[in-house]
């Protein structure tokens, strides 16, 4: 059973991971954030967003992300994977430059 305290802790963890991933582009935080989205811990479950964050971490050489990415992929359609890859590409692009 999940307690309210656990839910708050998860939500706070997501907030801190989001900050580390977005502001500092810290790859291990991207992996953990993706895992939180994959499990629906602290955020609503979102497999496309999970794939996006985990793939960014995997591309940066984070081994746990490289191992988790195939598992996440199995839960997605080809269209969802393409959407997640596009989101990741846009995330990697410098501001003002559109990803293709």
N, C-alpha and C. Protein backbone atom coordinates (compact mmCIF):
# COMPACT_ATOMS: atom_id res chain seq x y z
N UNK A 1 0.84 -1.18 0.00
CA UNK A 1 0.00 0.00 0.00
C UNK A 1 0.89 1.24 0.00
N UNK A 2 0.52 2.24 -0.80
CA UNK A 2 1.27 3.49 -0.89
C UNK A 2 0.65 4.50 0.07
N UNK A 3 1.48 5.07 0.91
CA UNK A 3 0.97 6.08 1.84
C UNK A 3 1.06 7.46 1.21
N UNK A 4 0.39 8.41 1.82
CA UNK A 4 0.46 9.80 1.35
C UNK A 4 1.89 10.30 1.43
N UNK A 5 2.60 9.92 2.47
CA UNK A 5 4.00 10.34 2.61
C UNK A 5 4.84 9.82 1.45
N UNK A 6 4.62 8.57 1.04
CA UNK A 6 5.36 8.02 -0.10
C UNK A 6 5.05 8.80 -1.36
N UNK A 7 3.79 9.12 -1.56
CA UNK A 7 3.37 9.88 -2.74
C UNK A 7 4.04 11.25 -2.75
N UNK A 8 4.07 11.91 -1.59
CA UNK A 8 4.73 13.23 -1.51
C UNK A 8 6.22 13.09 -1.77
N UNK A 9 6.83 12.05 -1.23
CA UNK A 9 8.26 11.84 -1.45
C UNK A 9 8.55 11.60 -2.92
N UNK A 10 7.72 10.81 -3.57
CA UNK A 10 7.89 10.55 -5.00
C UNK A 10 7.72 11.83 -5.80
N UNK A 11 6.72 12.61 -5.46
CA UNK A 11 6.48 13.87 -6.18
C UNK A 11 7.65 14.82 -6.00
N UNK A 12 8.20 14.86 -4.80
CA UNK A 12 9.36 15.71 -4.54
C UNK A 12 10.58 15.18 -5.30
N UNK A 13 10.74 13.88 -5.35
CA UNK A 13 11.85 13.29 -6.10
C UNK A 13 11.74 13.65 -7.58
N UNK A 14 10.53 13.56 -8.13
CA UNK A 14 10.33 13.93 -9.54
C UNK A 14 10.68 15.40 -9.75
N UNK A 15 10.26 16.25 -8.83
CA UNK A 15 10.55 17.69 -8.96
C UNK A 15 12.06 17.92 -9.01
N UNK A 16 12.79 17.27 -8.12
CA UNK A 16 14.25 17.46 -8.07
C UNK A 16 14.94 16.83 -9.28
N UNK A 17 14.47 15.67 -9.69
CA UNK A 17 15.03 15.03 -10.89
C UNK A 17 14.79 15.88 -12.13
N UNK A 18 13.59 16.44 -12.22
CA UNK A 18 13.23 17.30 -13.35
C UNK A 18 14.17 18.51 -13.40
N UNK A 19 14.41 19.08 -12.24
CA UNK A 19 15.33 20.23 -12.17
C UNK A 19 16.73 19.84 -12.63
N UNK A 20 17.23 18.72 -12.13
CA UNK A 20 18.58 18.28 -12.51
C UNK A 20 18.66 17.93 -13.99
N UNK A 21 17.61 17.32 -14.51
CA UNK A 21 17.60 16.92 -15.93
C UNK A 21 17.45 18.13 -16.84
N UNK A 22 16.53 19.02 -16.51
CA UNK A 22 16.26 20.15 -17.40
C UNK A 22 17.30 21.26 -17.28
N UNK A 23 17.65 21.62 -16.07
CA UNK A 23 18.56 22.75 -15.88
C UNK A 23 20.02 22.36 -16.10
N UNK A 24 20.38 21.17 -15.63
CA UNK A 24 21.79 20.77 -15.66
C UNK A 24 22.09 19.67 -16.68
N UNK A 25 21.03 19.14 -17.29
CA UNK A 25 21.18 18.05 -18.27
C UNK A 25 22.03 16.91 -17.70
N UNK A 26 21.71 16.55 -16.46
CA UNK A 26 22.42 15.50 -15.73
C UNK A 26 21.83 14.16 -16.14
N UNK A 27 22.60 13.38 -16.89
CA UNK A 27 22.09 12.14 -17.50
C UNK A 27 21.54 11.12 -16.49
N UNK A 28 22.19 10.90 -15.35
CA UNK A 28 21.59 9.96 -14.39
C UNK A 28 20.20 10.43 -13.91
N UNK A 29 20.02 11.73 -13.78
CA UNK A 29 18.70 12.25 -13.40
C UNK A 29 17.69 12.00 -14.52
N UNK A 30 18.12 12.12 -15.76
CA UNK A 30 17.22 11.81 -16.89
C UNK A 30 16.75 10.37 -16.80
N UNK A 31 17.68 9.46 -16.49
CA UNK A 31 17.32 8.06 -16.37
C UNK A 31 16.32 7.84 -15.24
N UNK A 32 16.61 8.39 -14.07
CA UNK A 32 15.71 8.20 -12.93
C UNK A 32 14.35 8.84 -13.19
N UNK A 33 14.35 10.00 -13.84
CA UNK A 33 13.09 10.66 -14.17
C UNK A 33 12.28 9.79 -15.13
N UNK A 34 12.93 9.24 -16.12
CA UNK A 34 12.25 8.34 -17.04
C UNK A 34 11.67 7.14 -16.34
N UNK A 35 12.44 6.59 -15.40
CA UNK A 35 11.95 5.43 -14.63
C UNK A 35 10.72 5.80 -13.80
N UNK A 36 10.70 7.02 -13.27
CA UNK A 36 9.54 7.47 -12.50
C UNK A 36 8.31 7.56 -13.40
N UNK A 37 8.48 8.10 -14.61
CA UNK A 37 7.36 8.16 -15.56
C UNK A 37 6.94 6.76 -15.99
N UNK A 38 7.90 5.87 -16.16
CA UNK A 38 7.59 4.49 -16.57
C UNK A 38 6.75 3.78 -15.51
N UNK A 39 7.10 4.00 -14.25
CA UNK A 39 6.40 3.35 -13.14
C UNK A 39 5.17 4.12 -12.66
N UNK A 40 5.05 5.39 -13.08
CA UNK A 40 3.96 6.20 -12.57
C UNK A 40 4.15 6.59 -11.11
N UNK A 41 5.39 6.79 -10.72
CA UNK A 41 5.70 7.17 -9.33
C UNK A 41 5.93 8.67 -9.25
N UNK A 42 5.05 9.36 -8.54
CA UNK A 42 5.18 10.80 -8.37
C UNK A 42 4.61 11.60 -9.52
N UNK A 43 4.29 10.92 -10.61
CA UNK A 43 3.70 11.53 -11.80
C UNK A 43 2.76 10.50 -12.42
N UNK A 44 1.81 10.95 -13.23
CA UNK A 44 0.99 9.96 -13.95
C UNK A 44 1.89 9.15 -14.89
N UNK A 45 1.61 7.86 -15.02
CA UNK A 45 2.39 7.00 -15.92
C UNK A 45 2.31 7.55 -17.34
N UNK A 46 3.46 7.72 -17.96
CA UNK A 46 3.54 8.27 -19.32
C UNK A 46 4.71 7.59 -20.01
N UNK A 47 4.40 6.59 -20.81
CA UNK A 47 5.44 5.78 -21.42
C UNK A 47 6.24 6.53 -22.49
N UNK A 48 5.61 7.45 -23.19
CA UNK A 48 6.32 8.23 -24.21
C UNK A 48 7.35 9.14 -23.53
N UNK A 49 6.94 9.81 -22.48
CA UNK A 49 7.86 10.67 -21.74
C UNK A 49 8.95 9.83 -21.08
N UNK A 50 8.59 8.67 -20.57
CA UNK A 50 9.58 7.77 -19.98
C UNK A 50 10.64 7.41 -21.03
N UNK A 51 10.20 7.01 -22.21
CA UNK A 51 11.13 6.64 -23.27
C UNK A 51 12.03 7.83 -23.62
N UNK A 52 11.45 9.02 -23.71
CA UNK A 52 12.23 10.20 -24.06
C UNK A 52 13.38 10.40 -23.07
N UNK A 53 13.07 10.43 -21.77
CA UNK A 53 14.10 10.68 -20.77
C UNK A 53 15.11 9.55 -20.71
N UNK A 54 14.65 8.32 -20.76
CA UNK A 54 15.56 7.18 -20.67
C UNK A 54 16.46 7.12 -21.90
N UNK A 55 15.93 7.44 -23.06
CA UNK A 55 16.76 7.42 -24.28
C UNK A 55 17.82 8.51 -24.23
N UNK A 56 17.49 9.67 -23.68
CA UNK A 56 18.49 10.73 -23.53
C UNK A 56 19.63 10.25 -22.64
N UNK A 57 19.27 9.61 -21.53
CA UNK A 57 20.29 9.09 -20.62
C UNK A 57 21.11 7.97 -21.29
N UNK A 58 20.43 7.09 -22.01
CA UNK A 58 21.13 6.00 -22.70
C UNK A 58 22.11 6.55 -23.73
N UNK A 59 21.69 7.58 -24.46
CA UNK A 59 22.58 8.21 -25.45
C UNK A 59 23.81 8.85 -24.80
N UNK A 60 23.67 9.21 -23.52
CA UNK A 60 24.79 9.80 -22.78
C UNK A 60 25.67 8.73 -22.13
N UNK A 61 25.33 7.46 -22.34
CA UNK A 61 26.16 6.38 -21.83
C UNK A 61 25.77 5.84 -20.47
N UNK A 62 24.61 6.22 -19.96
CA UNK A 62 24.16 5.70 -18.66
C UNK A 62 23.72 4.26 -18.85
N UNK A 63 24.48 3.33 -18.28
CA UNK A 63 24.23 1.90 -18.52
C UNK A 63 22.86 1.43 -18.03
N UNK A 64 22.39 1.85 -16.85
CA UNK A 64 21.05 1.41 -16.45
C UNK A 64 19.98 1.84 -17.45
N UNK A 65 20.16 3.01 -18.05
CA UNK A 65 19.21 3.48 -19.06
C UNK A 65 19.29 2.61 -20.31
N UNK A 66 20.51 2.23 -20.69
CA UNK A 66 20.68 1.38 -21.86
C UNK A 66 20.02 0.02 -21.66
N UNK A 67 20.01 -0.45 -20.41
CA UNK A 67 19.36 -1.73 -20.10
C UNK A 67 17.85 -1.60 -20.01
N UNK A 68 17.35 -0.45 -19.53
CA UNK A 68 15.91 -0.25 -19.34
C UNK A 68 15.20 0.09 -20.64
N UNK A 69 15.87 0.74 -21.56
CA UNK A 69 15.22 1.21 -22.79
C UNK A 69 14.50 0.10 -23.56
N UNK A 70 15.08 -1.08 -23.75
CA UNK A 70 14.34 -2.14 -24.46
C UNK A 70 13.05 -2.56 -23.74
N UNK A 71 13.06 -2.54 -22.43
CA UNK A 71 11.86 -2.88 -21.66
C UNK A 71 10.77 -1.85 -21.90
N UNK A 72 11.14 -0.59 -21.89
CA UNK A 72 10.17 0.48 -22.15
C UNK A 72 9.66 0.36 -23.58
N UNK A 73 10.56 0.07 -24.51
CA UNK A 73 10.19 -0.05 -25.93
C UNK A 73 9.11 -1.10 -26.16
N UNK A 74 9.17 -2.19 -25.40
CA UNK A 74 8.20 -3.27 -25.56
C UNK A 74 6.78 -2.83 -25.21
N UNK A 75 6.65 -1.77 -24.44
CA UNK A 75 5.35 -1.28 -24.01
C UNK A 75 4.77 -0.23 -24.96
N UNK A 76 5.52 0.12 -26.01
CA UNK A 76 5.11 1.20 -26.91
C UNK A 76 4.88 0.71 -28.33
N UNK A 77 4.05 1.43 -29.06
CA UNK A 77 3.88 1.19 -30.48
C UNK A 77 5.03 1.88 -31.22
N UNK A 78 5.21 1.53 -32.47
CA UNK A 78 6.24 2.18 -33.30
C UNK A 78 5.97 3.68 -33.39
N UNK A 79 4.71 4.06 -33.47
CA UNK A 79 4.35 5.49 -33.55
C UNK A 79 4.72 6.22 -32.25
N UNK A 80 4.48 5.58 -31.12
CA UNK A 80 4.84 6.20 -29.83
C UNK A 80 6.35 6.34 -29.68
N UNK A 81 7.09 5.34 -30.15
CA UNK A 81 8.55 5.43 -30.09
C UNK A 81 9.04 6.57 -30.98
N UNK A 82 8.47 6.70 -32.15
CA UNK A 82 8.85 7.79 -33.05
C UNK A 82 8.55 9.14 -32.41
N UNK A 83 7.41 9.26 -31.74
CA UNK A 83 7.04 10.49 -31.04
C UNK A 83 8.04 10.79 -29.92
N UNK A 84 8.40 9.77 -29.15
CA UNK A 84 9.36 9.95 -28.06
C UNK A 84 10.73 10.35 -28.59
N UNK A 85 11.15 9.75 -29.70
CA UNK A 85 12.44 10.09 -30.29
C UNK A 85 12.45 11.53 -30.79
N UNK A 86 11.34 11.97 -31.37
CA UNK A 86 11.23 13.35 -31.82
C UNK A 86 11.32 14.30 -30.64
N UNK A 87 10.64 13.98 -29.55
CA UNK A 87 10.69 14.82 -28.35
C UNK A 87 12.11 14.88 -27.80
N UNK A 88 12.80 13.76 -27.81
CA UNK A 88 14.18 13.72 -27.33
C UNK A 88 15.09 14.56 -28.23
N UNK A 89 14.87 14.46 -29.52
CA UNK A 89 15.67 15.23 -30.47
C UNK A 89 15.44 16.73 -30.26
N UNK A 90 14.19 17.11 -30.05
CA UNK A 90 13.88 18.53 -29.79
C UNK A 90 14.54 18.97 -28.49
N UNK A 91 14.55 18.09 -27.50
CA UNK A 91 15.17 18.42 -26.22
C UNK A 91 16.67 18.66 -26.39
N UNK A 92 17.32 17.87 -27.26
CA UNK A 92 18.76 18.00 -27.47
C UNK A 92 19.11 19.24 -28.29
N UNK A 93 18.17 19.72 -29.11
CA UNK A 93 18.44 20.85 -29.98
C UNK A 93 18.61 22.13 -29.17
N UNK A 94 19.57 22.96 -29.54
CA UNK A 94 19.71 24.25 -28.85
C UNK A 94 18.44 25.08 -29.04
N UNK A 95 18.14 25.96 -28.08
CA UNK A 95 16.94 26.81 -28.21
C UNK A 95 16.95 27.58 -29.52
N UNK A 96 15.81 27.65 -30.16
CA UNK A 96 15.67 28.39 -31.41
C UNK A 96 15.96 27.57 -32.64
N UNK A 97 16.42 26.33 -32.48
CA UNK A 97 16.73 25.46 -33.62
C UNK A 97 15.77 24.28 -33.59
N UNK A 98 15.01 24.11 -34.66
CA UNK A 98 14.04 23.02 -34.74
C UNK A 98 14.72 21.71 -35.07
N UNK A 99 14.30 20.65 -34.38
CA UNK A 99 14.78 19.31 -34.70
C UNK A 99 14.04 18.81 -35.94
N UNK A 100 14.68 17.95 -36.71
CA UNK A 100 14.04 17.40 -37.90
C UNK A 100 13.72 15.95 -37.70
